[in-house]
Amino acid sequence: MILLTGFEPFGGEASNPSWAAARGAADRLASEGYEAAAVELPCSFAEAPVALAAAVEQFHPRLVLCAGQAGGRSAISLERVAINLVDARIPDNRGEQPVDRPVRDGGPAAYFTSLPVKAALMKLTGAGIPAEVSQTAGTYVCNFLFYTLMDLLASRGNITGGFVHVPYSTGQGAVHGKPGLKVGSMATALALIAVAALENPVDIEVPAGAEH
């Protein structure tokens, strides 16, 4: 079973393409013979981890692929590392705005994804979808969920998991004067990432780092 998640809208947006993409990816994967399910998560520090844990218990996945929106980015961002820090520039959807706090008291400083991000990168660029390996998932709800996911899976060695940021949709990008990507392309990207994870239990070695 492949579990995909996306977030509800936040920050004044009417939609969040991460949820539409997760739902679309689950449909594509199912049409290709994979068991897949999509769950929408609240954009809430308190509620998102609870909903994620419940979904993991419900579906017993072998792969968990979480997605969130990073408006302003121009590519699908395969997140490499989640850090044990919350520093919310804006409140979440429940009005909470933690600043300079750990995701989990006493937890590791960071977790690396268990997704084969470089194999996924090659699959996405090969399909003509703009993609990058990202070294930061931010310090908002997305990173919080990513860290929580990897913390949850740390004791479950049989589950692969990670986080992906998607850009604005084309409509949102036009409104904000920022890059945008078709939701259909995002859904295809998430499906390809899931397949890459199943096909590559060990990641490939290709350069995909950053100088800054």
N, C-alpha and C. Protein backbone atom coordinates (compact mmCIF):
# COMPACT_ATOMS: atom_id res chain seq x y z
N MET A 1 0.84 -1.20 0.00
CA MET A 1 0.00 0.00 0.00
C MET A 1 0.87 1.25 0.00
N ILE A 2 0.53 2.18 -0.87
CA ILE A 2 1.20 3.48 -0.93
C ILE A 2 0.26 4.52 -0.34
N LEU A 3 0.71 5.23 0.67
CA LEU A 3 -0.08 6.30 1.28
C LEU A 3 0.48 7.64 0.85
N LEU A 4 -0.36 8.46 0.25
CA LEU A 4 0.02 9.81 -0.14
C LEU A 4 -0.80 10.80 0.67
N THR A 5 -0.19 11.90 1.06
CA THR A 5 -0.91 12.94 1.78
C THR A 5 -0.64 14.30 1.16
N GLY A 6 -1.63 15.18 1.30
CA GLY A 6 -1.49 16.58 0.93
C GLY A 6 -2.17 17.42 1.98
N PHE A 7 -1.96 18.72 1.91
CA PHE A 7 -2.51 19.61 2.93
C PHE A 7 -3.75 20.36 2.43
N GLU A 8 -4.57 20.76 3.38
CA GLU A 8 -5.65 21.69 3.11
C GLU A 8 -5.06 23.06 2.78
N PRO A 9 -5.85 23.97 2.20
CA PRO A 9 -5.34 25.32 1.90
C PRO A 9 -4.90 26.05 3.17
N PHE A 10 -3.94 26.95 3.01
CA PHE A 10 -3.47 27.75 4.15
C PHE A 10 -2.99 29.09 3.62
N GLY A 11 -2.72 30.01 4.53
CA GLY A 11 -2.15 31.30 4.16
C GLY A 11 -3.04 32.14 3.27
N GLY A 12 -4.35 31.94 3.36
CA GLY A 12 -5.29 32.73 2.57
C GLY A 12 -5.57 32.19 1.18
N GLU A 13 -4.96 31.06 0.81
CA GLU A 13 -5.22 30.47 -0.51
C GLU A 13 -6.54 29.72 -0.51
N ALA A 14 -7.19 29.68 -1.67
CA ALA A 14 -8.47 28.98 -1.80
C ALA A 14 -8.27 27.49 -2.03
N SER A 15 -7.08 27.09 -2.44
CA SER A 15 -6.81 25.67 -2.70
C SER A 15 -5.35 25.38 -2.37
N ASN A 16 -5.06 24.10 -2.24
CA ASN A 16 -3.69 23.67 -2.02
C ASN A 16 -3.41 22.55 -3.02
N PRO A 17 -2.56 22.80 -4.02
CA PRO A 17 -2.34 21.79 -5.05
C PRO A 17 -1.69 20.52 -4.54
N SER A 18 -1.10 20.55 -3.36
CA SER A 18 -0.49 19.33 -2.83
C SER A 18 -1.57 18.26 -2.61
N TRP A 19 -2.75 18.67 -2.19
CA TRP A 19 -3.83 17.71 -1.96
C TRP A 19 -4.39 17.20 -3.28
N ALA A 20 -4.62 18.09 -4.23
CA ALA A 20 -5.11 17.66 -5.53
C ALA A 20 -4.11 16.72 -6.20
N ALA A 21 -2.81 17.03 -6.04
CA ALA A 21 -1.77 16.19 -6.64
C ALA A 21 -1.71 14.82 -5.97
N ALA A 22 -1.83 14.78 -4.64
CA ALA A 22 -1.81 13.51 -3.93
C ALA A 22 -2.98 12.64 -4.35
N ARG A 23 -4.15 13.25 -4.45
CA ARG A 23 -5.34 12.51 -4.87
C ARG A 23 -5.19 12.00 -6.30
N GLY A 24 -4.68 12.86 -7.18
CA GLY A 24 -4.48 12.46 -8.56
C GLY A 24 -3.43 11.36 -8.70
N ALA A 25 -2.36 11.46 -7.90
CA ALA A 25 -1.31 10.43 -7.93
C ALA A 25 -1.85 9.09 -7.47
N ALA A 26 -2.67 9.08 -6.43
CA ALA A 26 -3.26 7.83 -5.94
C ALA A 26 -4.11 7.18 -7.03
N ASP A 27 -4.87 8.00 -7.75
CA ASP A 27 -5.70 7.47 -8.84
C ASP A 27 -4.82 6.89 -9.95
N ARG A 28 -3.75 7.58 -10.31
CA ARG A 28 -2.85 7.10 -11.36
C ARG A 28 -2.19 5.79 -10.96
N LEU A 29 -1.72 5.74 -9.72
CA LEU A 29 -1.07 4.52 -9.24
C LEU A 29 -2.04 3.35 -9.22
N ALA A 30 -3.27 3.61 -8.78
CA ALA A 30 -4.29 2.55 -8.76
C ALA A 30 -4.57 2.03 -10.16
N SER A 31 -4.60 2.95 -11.13
CA SER A 31 -4.86 2.53 -12.51
C SER A 31 -3.72 1.69 -13.08
N GLU A 32 -2.54 1.79 -12.45
CA GLU A 32 -1.37 1.01 -12.89
C GLU A 32 -1.19 -0.26 -12.07
N GLY A 33 -2.15 -0.56 -11.20
CA GLY A 33 -2.13 -1.81 -10.46
C GLY A 33 -1.56 -1.74 -9.07
N TYR A 34 -1.22 -0.52 -8.60
CA TYR A 34 -0.70 -0.37 -7.24
C TYR A 34 -1.85 -0.08 -6.27
N GLU A 35 -1.73 -0.59 -5.06
CA GLU A 35 -2.65 -0.18 -4.01
C GLU A 35 -2.22 1.19 -3.51
N ALA A 36 -3.11 2.15 -3.55
CA ALA A 36 -2.74 3.51 -3.14
C ALA A 36 -3.94 4.21 -2.54
N ALA A 37 -3.67 5.08 -1.58
CA ALA A 37 -4.71 5.89 -0.94
C ALA A 37 -4.17 7.28 -0.68
N ALA A 38 -5.05 8.27 -0.70
CA ALA A 38 -4.66 9.66 -0.43
C ALA A 38 -5.48 10.21 0.73
N VAL A 39 -4.82 10.98 1.58
CA VAL A 39 -5.46 11.56 2.76
C VAL A 39 -5.11 13.04 2.82
N GLU A 40 -6.12 13.88 3.05
CA GLU A 40 -5.89 15.32 3.22
C GLU A 40 -5.62 15.61 4.68
N LEU A 41 -4.54 16.35 4.96
CA LEU A 41 -4.16 16.67 6.33
C LEU A 41 -4.46 18.13 6.64
N PRO A 42 -4.82 18.43 7.89
CA PRO A 42 -5.00 19.82 8.29
C PRO A 42 -3.67 20.55 8.38
N CYS A 43 -3.65 21.82 8.03
CA CYS A 43 -2.44 22.63 8.16
C CYS A 43 -2.38 23.14 9.59
N SER A 44 -2.03 22.23 10.47
CA SER A 44 -2.05 22.49 11.91
C SER A 44 -0.93 21.72 12.58
N PHE A 45 -0.13 22.41 13.38
CA PHE A 45 0.95 21.75 14.10
C PHE A 45 0.41 20.66 15.02
N ALA A 46 -0.72 20.90 15.64
CA ALA A 46 -1.28 19.93 16.58
C ALA A 46 -1.98 18.78 15.88
N GLU A 47 -2.69 19.07 14.81
CA GLU A 47 -3.59 18.08 14.21
C GLU A 47 -2.97 17.26 13.09
N ALA A 48 -2.05 17.84 12.33
CA ALA A 48 -1.49 17.11 11.18
C ALA A 48 -0.79 15.81 11.60
N PRO A 49 0.07 15.82 12.63
CA PRO A 49 0.73 14.57 13.02
C PRO A 49 -0.25 13.51 13.50
N VAL A 50 -1.31 13.92 14.17
CA VAL A 50 -2.31 12.97 14.65
C VAL A 50 -3.02 12.31 13.47
N ALA A 51 -3.39 13.13 12.48
CA ALA A 51 -4.06 12.60 11.29
C ALA A 51 -3.14 11.69 10.50
N LEU A 52 -1.86 12.05 10.42
CA LEU A 52 -0.91 11.21 9.70
C LEU A 52 -0.74 9.85 10.40
N ALA A 53 -0.56 9.87 11.70
CA ALA A 53 -0.40 8.63 12.44
C ALA A 53 -1.63 7.73 12.30
N ALA A 54 -2.81 8.35 12.31
CA ALA A 54 -4.04 7.57 12.14
C ALA A 54 -4.10 6.93 10.76
N ALA A 55 -3.66 7.66 9.75
CA ALA A 55 -3.67 7.13 8.39
C ALA A 55 -2.68 5.96 8.26
N VAL A 56 -1.52 6.08 8.89
CA VAL A 56 -0.54 4.99 8.85
C VAL A 56 -1.11 3.75 9.51
N GLU A 57 -1.80 3.93 10.63
CA GLU A 57 -2.41 2.80 11.32
C GLU A 57 -3.54 2.20 10.51
N GLN A 58 -4.28 3.02 9.79
CA GLN A 58 -5.41 2.54 9.01
C GLN A 58 -4.97 1.75 7.77
N PHE A 59 -3.97 2.27 7.06
CA PHE A 59 -3.62 1.70 5.76
C PHE A 59 -2.42 0.75 5.79
N HIS A 60 -1.64 0.75 6.85
CA HIS A 60 -0.45 -0.11 6.94
C HIS A 60 0.39 -0.04 5.66
N PRO A 61 0.85 1.15 5.29
CA PRO A 61 1.56 1.30 4.01
C PRO A 61 2.98 0.78 4.07
N ARG A 62 3.53 0.50 2.91
CA ARG A 62 4.97 0.22 2.81
C ARG A 62 5.72 1.46 2.34
N LEU A 63 4.96 2.46 1.89
CA LEU A 63 5.54 3.72 1.45
C LEU A 63 4.62 4.85 1.85
N VAL A 64 5.17 5.89 2.47
CA VAL A 64 4.40 7.10 2.81
C VAL A 64 5.07 8.28 2.11
N LEU A 65 4.30 8.95 1.25
CA LEU A 65 4.80 10.10 0.51
C LEU A 65 3.93 11.30 0.84
N CYS A 66 4.48 12.23 1.62
CA CYS A 66 3.74 13.41 2.02
C CYS A 66 4.12 14.58 1.11
N ALA A 67 3.14 15.43 0.81
CA ALA A 67 3.39 16.58 -0.06
C ALA A 67 2.82 17.84 0.58
N GLY A 68 3.47 18.95 0.27
CA GLY A 68 3.01 20.26 0.73
C GLY A 68 3.35 21.30 -0.32
N GLN A 69 2.80 22.48 -0.15
CA GLN A 69 3.02 23.55 -1.12
C GLN A 69 4.14 24.48 -0.68
N ALA A 70 5.02 24.81 -1.63
CA ALA A 70 6.06 25.81 -1.40
C ALA A 70 5.90 26.87 -2.49
N GLY A 71 4.97 27.79 -2.27
CA GLY A 71 4.72 28.83 -3.26
C GLY A 71 5.95 29.66 -3.52
N GLY A 72 6.28 29.85 -4.78
CA GLY A 72 7.47 30.59 -5.15
C GLY A 72 8.56 29.72 -5.71
N ARG A 73 8.59 28.44 -5.33
CA ARG A 73 9.54 27.52 -5.93
C ARG A 73 9.08 27.19 -7.35
N SER A 74 10.03 26.81 -8.19
CA SER A 74 9.70 26.60 -9.59
C SER A 74 9.74 25.13 -9.99
N ALA A 75 10.04 24.24 -9.04
CA ALA A 75 10.20 22.84 -9.38
C ALA A 75 9.65 21.96 -8.26
N ILE A 76 9.43 20.69 -8.59
CA ILE A 76 9.12 19.70 -7.57
C ILE A 76 10.36 19.54 -6.70
N SER A 77 10.21 19.76 -5.40
CA SER A 77 11.36 19.72 -4.48
C SER A 77 11.33 18.43 -3.68
N LEU A 78 12.31 17.58 -3.95
CA LEU A 78 12.47 16.33 -3.21
C LEU A 78 13.26 16.65 -1.94
N GLU A 79 12.56 16.68 -0.81
CA GLU A 79 13.19 17.13 0.43
C GLU A 79 14.10 16.06 1.00
N ARG A 80 15.32 16.45 1.32
CA ARG A 80 16.32 15.51 1.81
C ARG A 80 16.34 15.39 3.32
N VAL A 81 16.08 16.51 4.04
CA VAL A 81 16.29 16.48 5.50
C VAL A 81 15.19 17.25 6.22
N ALA A 82 14.74 16.69 7.34
CA ALA A 82 13.79 17.36 8.23
C ALA A 82 14.53 17.74 9.50
N ILE A 83 14.37 18.96 9.97
CA ILE A 83 15.09 19.41 11.17
C ILE A 83 14.14 19.54 12.35
N ASN A 84 14.72 19.38 13.53
CA ASN A 84 13.95 19.42 14.78
C ASN A 84 13.77 20.86 15.26
N LEU A 85 13.12 21.65 14.43
CA LEU A 85 12.92 23.07 14.74
C LEU A 85 11.62 23.56 14.14
N VAL A 86 10.88 24.33 14.93
CA VAL A 86 9.69 25.02 14.45
C VAL A 86 9.91 26.52 14.65
N ASP A 87 9.71 27.28 13.58
CA ASP A 87 9.82 28.73 13.64
C ASP A 87 8.81 29.28 12.63
N ALA A 88 7.58 29.42 13.08
CA ALA A 88 6.47 29.73 12.18
C ALA A 88 6.39 31.22 11.87
N ARG A 89 6.58 31.56 10.59
CA ARG A 89 6.49 32.97 10.17
C ARG A 89 5.05 33.46 10.24
N ILE A 90 4.08 32.55 9.98
CA ILE A 90 2.66 32.88 10.06
C ILE A 90 1.97 31.83 10.91
N PRO A 91 0.81 32.15 11.48
CA PRO A 91 0.07 31.13 12.25
C PRO A 91 -0.41 30.01 11.34
N ASP A 92 -0.60 28.83 11.92
CA ASP A 92 -1.23 27.75 11.18
C ASP A 92 -2.73 27.99 11.10
N ASN A 93 -3.46 27.05 10.54
CA ASN A 93 -4.89 27.25 10.34
C ASN A 93 -5.70 27.23 11.62
N ARG A 94 -5.08 26.90 12.72
CA ARG A 94 -5.78 26.92 14.01
C ARG A 94 -5.28 28.08 14.88
N GLY A 95 -4.47 28.94 14.29
CA GLY A 95 -4.00 30.13 14.99
C GLY A 95 -2.76 29.94 15.83
N GLU A 96 -2.13 28.77 15.74
CA GLU A 96 -0.92 28.51 16.51
C GLU A 96 0.31 29.01 15.75
N GLN A 97 1.25 29.63 16.45
CA GLN A 97 2.45 30.15 15.82
C GLN A 97 3.66 29.93 16.73
N PRO A 98 4.10 28.67 16.87
CA PRO A 98 5.28 28.40 17.71
C PRO A 98 6.54 28.98 17.09
N VAL A 99 7.41 29.49 17.92
CA VAL A 99 8.66 30.11 17.46
C VAL A 99 9.83 29.51 18.24
N ASP A 100 10.84 29.09 17.49
CA ASP A 100 12.08 28.57 18.07
C ASP A 100 11.85 27.45 19.08
N ARG A 101 11.04 26.49 18.67
CA ARG A 101 10.77 25.33 19.50
C ARG A 101 11.15 24.06 18.75
N PRO A 102 11.47 22.98 19.46
CA PRO A 102 11.73 21.72 18.78
C PRO A 102 10.43 21.07 18.31
N VAL A 103 10.52 20.27 17.28
CA VAL A 103 9.37 19.45 16.90
C VAL A 103 9.10 18.45 18.00
N ARG A 104 10.17 17.81 18.48
CA ARG A 104 10.04 16.88 19.60
C ARG A 104 11.17 17.13 20.59
N ASP A 105 10.82 17.43 21.82
CA ASP A 105 11.83 17.63 22.86
C ASP A 105 12.71 16.39 22.97
N GLY A 106 14.01 16.60 22.91
CA GLY A 106 14.93 15.49 23.06
C GLY A 106 15.11 14.64 21.82
N GLY A 107 14.45 15.01 20.73
CA GLY A 107 14.58 14.23 19.50
C GLY A 107 15.88 14.53 18.78
N PRO A 108 16.23 13.71 17.79
CA PRO A 108 17.44 13.98 16.99
C PRO A 108 17.38 15.35 16.34
N ALA A 109 18.53 15.93 16.09
CA ALA A 109 18.57 17.25 15.45
C ALA A 109 17.94 17.23 14.08
N ALA A 110 18.02 16.09 13.40
CA ALA A 110 17.48 15.99 12.05
C ALA A 110 17.26 14.54 11.67
N TYR A 111 16.42 14.34 10.68
CA TYR A 111 16.24 13.03 10.04
C TYR A 111 16.43 13.21 8.55
N PHE A 112 17.09 12.24 7.93
CA PHE A 112 17.15 12.21 6.48
C PHE A 112 15.98 11.39 5.94
N THR A 113 15.49 11.78 4.77
CA THR A 113 14.44 11.02 4.11
C THR A 113 14.93 9.61 3.82
N SER A 114 14.01 8.67 3.71
CA SER A 114 14.37 7.33 3.23
C SER A 114 13.92 7.12 1.79
N LEU A 115 13.41 8.18 1.16
CA LEU A 115 13.11 8.12 -0.27
C LEU A 115 14.41 8.15 -1.07
N PRO A 116 14.47 7.45 -2.19
CA PRO A 116 15.64 7.55 -3.07
C PRO A 116 15.51 8.83 -3.91
N VAL A 117 15.89 9.95 -3.32
CA VAL A 117 15.58 11.24 -3.95
C VAL A 117 16.30 11.43 -5.28
N LYS A 118 17.48 10.86 -5.42
CA LYS A 118 18.21 11.05 -6.67
C LYS A 118 17.66 10.15 -7.79
N ALA A 119 17.25 8.95 -7.44
CA ALA A 119 16.59 8.10 -8.43
C ALA A 119 15.27 8.75 -8.86
N ALA A 120 14.56 9.33 -7.90
CA ALA A 120 13.31 10.02 -8.22
C ALA A 120 13.58 11.25 -9.09
N LEU A 121 14.65 11.97 -8.78
CA LEU A 121 15.02 13.13 -9.58
C LEU A 121 15.25 12.75 -11.04
N MET A 122 15.97 11.66 -11.27
CA MET A 122 16.24 11.21 -12.63
C MET A 122 14.96 10.82 -13.35
N LYS A 123 14.04 10.20 -12.62
CA LYS A 123 12.78 9.79 -13.23
C LYS A 123 11.94 11.02 -13.60
N LEU A 124 11.93 12.04 -12.75
CA LEU A 124 11.15 13.24 -13.03
C LEU A 124 11.75 14.04 -14.18
N THR A 125 13.04 14.27 -14.15
CA THR A 125 13.65 15.05 -15.23
C THR A 125 13.56 14.30 -16.55
N GLY A 126 13.62 12.98 -16.48
CA GLY A 126 13.45 12.19 -17.69
C GLY A 126 12.07 12.32 -18.29
N ALA A 127 11.09 12.62 -17.43
CA ALA A 127 9.72 12.80 -17.90
C ALA A 127 9.42 14.25 -18.25
N GLY A 128 10.45 15.12 -18.17
CA GLY A 128 10.27 16.52 -18.52
C GLY A 128 9.61 17.36 -17.44
N ILE A 129 9.64 16.87 -16.20
CA ILE A 129 9.03 17.60 -15.08
C ILE A 129 10.15 18.31 -14.30
N PRO A 130 10.06 19.62 -14.12
CA PRO A 130 11.11 20.33 -13.37
C PRO A 130 11.21 19.81 -11.94
N ALA A 131 12.41 19.47 -11.52
CA ALA A 131 12.59 18.85 -10.20
C ALA A 131 13.96 19.19 -9.66
N GLU A 132 14.08 19.10 -8.34
CA GLU A 132 15.35 19.38 -7.66
C GLU A 132 15.39 18.61 -6.35
N VAL A 133 16.59 18.35 -5.87
CA VAL A 133 16.76 17.86 -4.51
C VAL A 133 16.92 19.09 -3.62
N SER A 134 16.07 19.22 -2.63
CA SER A 134 16.07 20.38 -1.74
C SER A 134 16.71 20.01 -0.41
N GLN A 135 17.50 20.94 0.11
CA GLN A 135 18.19 20.72 1.38
C GLN A 135 17.44 21.33 2.57
N THR A 136 16.31 21.97 2.32
CA THR A 136 15.52 22.54 3.42
C THR A 136 14.04 22.46 3.14
N ALA A 137 13.31 21.94 4.09
CA ALA A 137 11.85 21.87 4.00
C ALA A 137 11.20 23.01 4.78
N GLY A 138 12.01 24.03 5.14
CA GLY A 138 11.47 25.15 5.89
C GLY A 138 11.38 24.86 7.37
N THR A 139 10.63 25.71 8.07
CA THR A 139 10.44 25.53 9.52
C THR A 139 8.97 25.67 9.91
N TYR A 140 8.11 25.38 8.94
CA TYR A 140 6.66 25.54 9.17
C TYR A 140 6.02 24.14 9.29
N VAL A 141 4.75 24.03 8.99
CA VAL A 141 4.03 22.78 9.21
C VAL A 141 4.59 21.65 8.33
N CYS A 142 5.06 21.97 7.12
CA CYS A 142 5.59 20.94 6.24
C CYS A 142 6.80 20.24 6.87
N ASN A 143 7.77 21.01 7.33
CA ASN A 143 8.93 20.41 7.99
C ASN A 143 8.51 19.69 9.26
N PHE A 144 7.57 20.27 10.00
CA PHE A 144 7.06 19.66 11.23
C PHE A 144 6.51 18.27 10.92
N LEU A 145 5.70 18.17 9.85
CA LEU A 145 5.11 16.89 9.48
C LEU A 145 6.19 15.92 8.99
N PHE A 146 7.11 16.42 8.19
CA PHE A 146 8.20 15.60 7.67
C PHE A 146 9.00 15.00 8.82
N TYR A 147 9.38 15.82 9.78
CA TYR A 147 10.13 15.33 10.94
C TYR A 147 9.30 14.30 11.71
N THR A 148 8.03 14.62 11.93
CA THR A 148 7.15 13.71 12.66
C THR A 148 7.03 12.37 11.94
N LEU A 149 6.92 12.42 10.61
CA LEU A 149 6.83 11.19 9.82
C LEU A 149 8.08 10.34 10.02
N MET A 150 9.25 10.94 9.86
CA MET A 150 10.48 10.17 9.97
C MET A 150 10.71 9.67 11.40
N ASP A 151 10.27 10.45 12.37
CA ASP A 151 10.35 10.02 13.77
C ASP A 151 9.45 8.81 14.00
N LEU A 152 8.26 8.86 13.39
CA LEU A 152 7.32 7.74 13.50
C LEU A 152 7.87 6.49 12.83
N LEU A 153 8.50 6.67 11.67
CA LEU A 153 8.98 5.51 10.92
C LEU A 153 10.32 4.97 11.43
N ALA A 154 10.98 5.73 12.30
CA ALA A 154 12.29 5.31 12.81
C ALA A 154 12.22 3.95 13.50
N SER A 155 11.08 3.65 14.10
CA SER A 155 10.91 2.37 14.78
C SER A 155 10.22 1.34 13.89
N ARG A 156 9.99 1.72 12.62
CA ARG A 156 9.32 0.80 11.69
C ARG A 156 10.19 0.69 10.43
N GLY A 157 11.20 -0.12 10.52
CA GLY A 157 12.18 -0.19 9.45
C GLY A 157 11.66 -0.69 8.12
N ASN A 158 10.44 -1.18 8.08
CA ASN A 158 9.90 -1.74 6.84
C ASN A 158 9.09 -0.73 6.04
N ILE A 159 9.05 0.54 6.47
CA ILE A 159 8.27 1.56 5.77
C ILE A 159 9.21 2.65 5.26
N THR A 160 9.11 2.94 3.97
CA THR A 160 9.86 4.04 3.37
C THR A 160 9.01 5.30 3.44
N GLY A 161 9.64 6.45 3.68
CA GLY A 161 8.85 7.67 3.76
C GLY A 161 9.65 8.91 3.46
N GLY A 162 8.95 9.97 3.11
CA GLY A 162 9.60 11.24 2.86
C GLY A 162 8.61 12.30 2.47
N PHE A 163 9.15 13.46 2.13
CA PHE A 163 8.32 14.64 1.89
C PHE A 163 8.73 15.31 0.58
N VAL A 164 7.74 15.84 -0.11
CA VAL A 164 7.95 16.54 -1.38
C VAL A 164 7.20 17.86 -1.34
N HIS A 165 7.85 18.94 -1.76
CA HIS A 165 7.17 20.22 -1.93
C HIS A 165 6.80 20.41 -3.39
N VAL A 166 5.61 20.95 -3.63
CA VAL A 166 5.18 21.29 -4.98
C VAL A 166 5.05 22.80 -5.09
N PRO A 167 5.21 23.37 -6.29
CA PRO A 167 5.07 24.82 -6.46
C PRO A 167 3.60 25.24 -6.40
N TYR A 168 3.36 26.52 -6.63
CA TYR A 168 2.00 26.98 -6.88
C TYR A 168 1.45 26.26 -8.09
N SER A 169 0.13 26.12 -8.16
CA SER A 169 -0.51 25.71 -9.41
C SER A 169 -0.34 26.84 -10.42
N THR A 170 -0.63 26.57 -11.68
CA THR A 170 -0.47 27.61 -12.70
C THR A 170 -1.37 28.80 -12.40
N GLY A 171 -2.59 28.53 -11.91
CA GLY A 171 -3.51 29.62 -11.58
C GLY A 171 -3.00 30.46 -10.44
N GLN A 172 -2.51 29.82 -9.38
CA GLN A 172 -1.95 30.56 -8.25
C GLN A 172 -0.72 31.35 -8.68
N GLY A 173 0.12 30.73 -9.49
CA GLY A 173 1.33 31.41 -9.93
C GLY A 173 1.01 32.68 -10.69
N ALA A 174 -0.03 32.62 -11.54
CA ALA A 174 -0.42 33.80 -12.31
C ALA A 174 -0.89 34.91 -11.39
N VAL A 175 -1.63 34.56 -10.35
CA VAL A 175 -2.14 35.55 -9.40
C VAL A 175 -1.00 36.21 -8.64
N HIS A 176 -0.02 35.43 -8.23
CA HIS A 176 1.07 35.92 -7.38
C HIS A 176 2.28 36.41 -8.17
N GLY A 177 2.27 36.22 -9.48
CA GLY A 177 3.43 36.59 -10.27
C GLY A 177 4.63 35.70 -9.97
N LYS A 178 4.37 34.44 -9.68
CA LYS A 178 5.41 33.47 -9.32
C LYS A 178 5.32 32.26 -10.25
N PRO A 179 6.34 31.41 -10.25
CA PRO A 179 6.26 30.20 -11.06
C PRO A 179 5.09 29.31 -10.66
N GLY A 180 4.54 28.60 -11.62
CA GLY A 180 3.45 27.67 -11.36
C GLY A 180 3.62 26.41 -12.17
N LEU A 181 2.94 25.36 -11.77
CA LEU A 181 3.01 24.07 -12.45
C LEU A 181 1.60 23.49 -12.51
N LYS A 182 1.29 22.82 -13.60
CA LYS A 182 -0.03 22.20 -13.72
C LYS A 182 -0.19 21.12 -12.64
N VAL A 183 -1.40 21.07 -12.07
CA VAL A 183 -1.66 20.08 -11.03
C VAL A 183 -1.50 18.67 -11.59
N GLY A 184 -1.87 18.48 -12.85
CA GLY A 184 -1.70 17.16 -13.46
C GLY A 184 -0.25 16.74 -13.50
N SER A 185 0.64 17.70 -13.76
CA SER A 185 2.08 17.39 -13.76
C SER A 185 2.56 17.05 -12.35
N MET A 186 2.00 17.75 -11.35
CA MET A 186 2.35 17.43 -9.96
C MET A 186 1.90 16.01 -9.60
N ALA A 187 0.70 15.63 -10.02
CA ALA A 187 0.19 14.29 -9.74
C ALA A 187 1.07 13.23 -10.40
N THR A 188 1.44 13.49 -11.65
CA THR A 188 2.34 12.58 -12.34
C THR A 188 3.66 12.46 -11.59
N ALA A 189 4.17 13.60 -11.12
CA ALA A 189 5.44 13.61 -10.40
C ALA A 189 5.37 12.74 -9.14
N LEU A 190 4.32 12.91 -8.35
CA LEU A 190 4.19 12.13 -7.12
C LEU A 190 4.08 10.64 -7.42
N ALA A 191 3.35 10.30 -8.47
CA ALA A 191 3.24 8.89 -8.85
C ALA A 191 4.60 8.34 -9.27
N LEU A 192 5.36 9.11 -10.03
CA LEU A 192 6.69 8.67 -10.47
C LEU A 192 7.64 8.53 -9.28
N ILE A 193 7.54 9.44 -8.33
CA ILE A 193 8.38 9.35 -7.12
C ILE A 193 8.06 8.06 -6.36
N ALA A 194 6.78 7.75 -6.23
CA ALA A 194 6.38 6.53 -5.53
C ALA A 194 6.94 5.29 -6.23
N VAL A 195 6.84 5.26 -7.55
CA VAL A 195 7.37 4.11 -8.30
C VAL A 195 8.89 4.03 -8.15
N ALA A 196 9.56 5.17 -8.20
CA ALA A 196 11.02 5.19 -8.02
C ALA A 196 11.39 4.63 -6.66
N ALA A 197 10.61 4.95 -5.64
CA ALA A 197 10.90 4.45 -4.29
C ALA A 197 10.74 2.94 -4.22
N LEU A 198 9.74 2.42 -4.90
CA LEU A 198 9.54 0.97 -4.89
C LEU A 198 10.61 0.25 -5.70
N GLU A 199 11.09 0.89 -6.73
CA GLU A 199 12.09 0.28 -7.62
C GLU A 199 13.52 0.41 -7.11
N ASN A 200 13.75 1.36 -6.20
CA ASN A 200 15.12 1.66 -5.76
C ASN A 200 15.22 1.65 -4.24
N PRO A 201 15.32 0.47 -3.63
CA PRO A 201 15.50 0.44 -2.17
C PRO A 201 16.78 1.12 -1.72
N VAL A 202 17.76 1.21 -2.61
CA VAL A 202 19.00 1.95 -2.36
C VAL A 202 19.11 3.03 -3.42
N ASP A 203 19.38 4.26 -3.01
CA ASP A 203 19.42 5.36 -3.96
C ASP A 203 20.64 5.27 -4.87
N ILE A 204 20.55 5.92 -6.02
CA ILE A 204 21.67 5.98 -6.94
C ILE A 204 22.59 7.14 -6.55
N GLU A 205 23.80 7.12 -7.06
CA GLU A 205 24.76 8.19 -6.77
C GLU A 205 24.95 9.06 -8.00
N VAL A 206 24.31 10.21 -7.99
CA VAL A 206 24.51 11.23 -9.02
C VAL A 206 24.57 12.58 -8.31
N PRO A 207 25.29 13.55 -8.85
CA PRO A 207 25.37 14.85 -8.17
C PRO A 207 24.04 15.59 -8.24
N ALA A 208 23.60 16.09 -7.10
CA ALA A 208 22.37 16.88 -7.06
C ALA A 208 22.39 17.81 -5.86
N GLY A 209 23.61 18.21 -5.45
CA GLY A 209 23.74 19.07 -4.28
C GLY A 209 23.61 20.53 -4.62
N ALA A 210 23.98 21.39 -3.70
CA ALA A 210 23.83 22.82 -3.87
C ALA A 210 25.04 23.54 -3.29
N GLU A 211 25.37 24.67 -3.87
CA GLU A 211 26.49 25.48 -3.36
C GLU A 211 26.05 26.48 -2.30
N HIS A 212 24.73 26.69 -2.19
CA HIS A 212 24.23 27.67 -1.22
C HIS A 212 22.79 27.33 -0.86
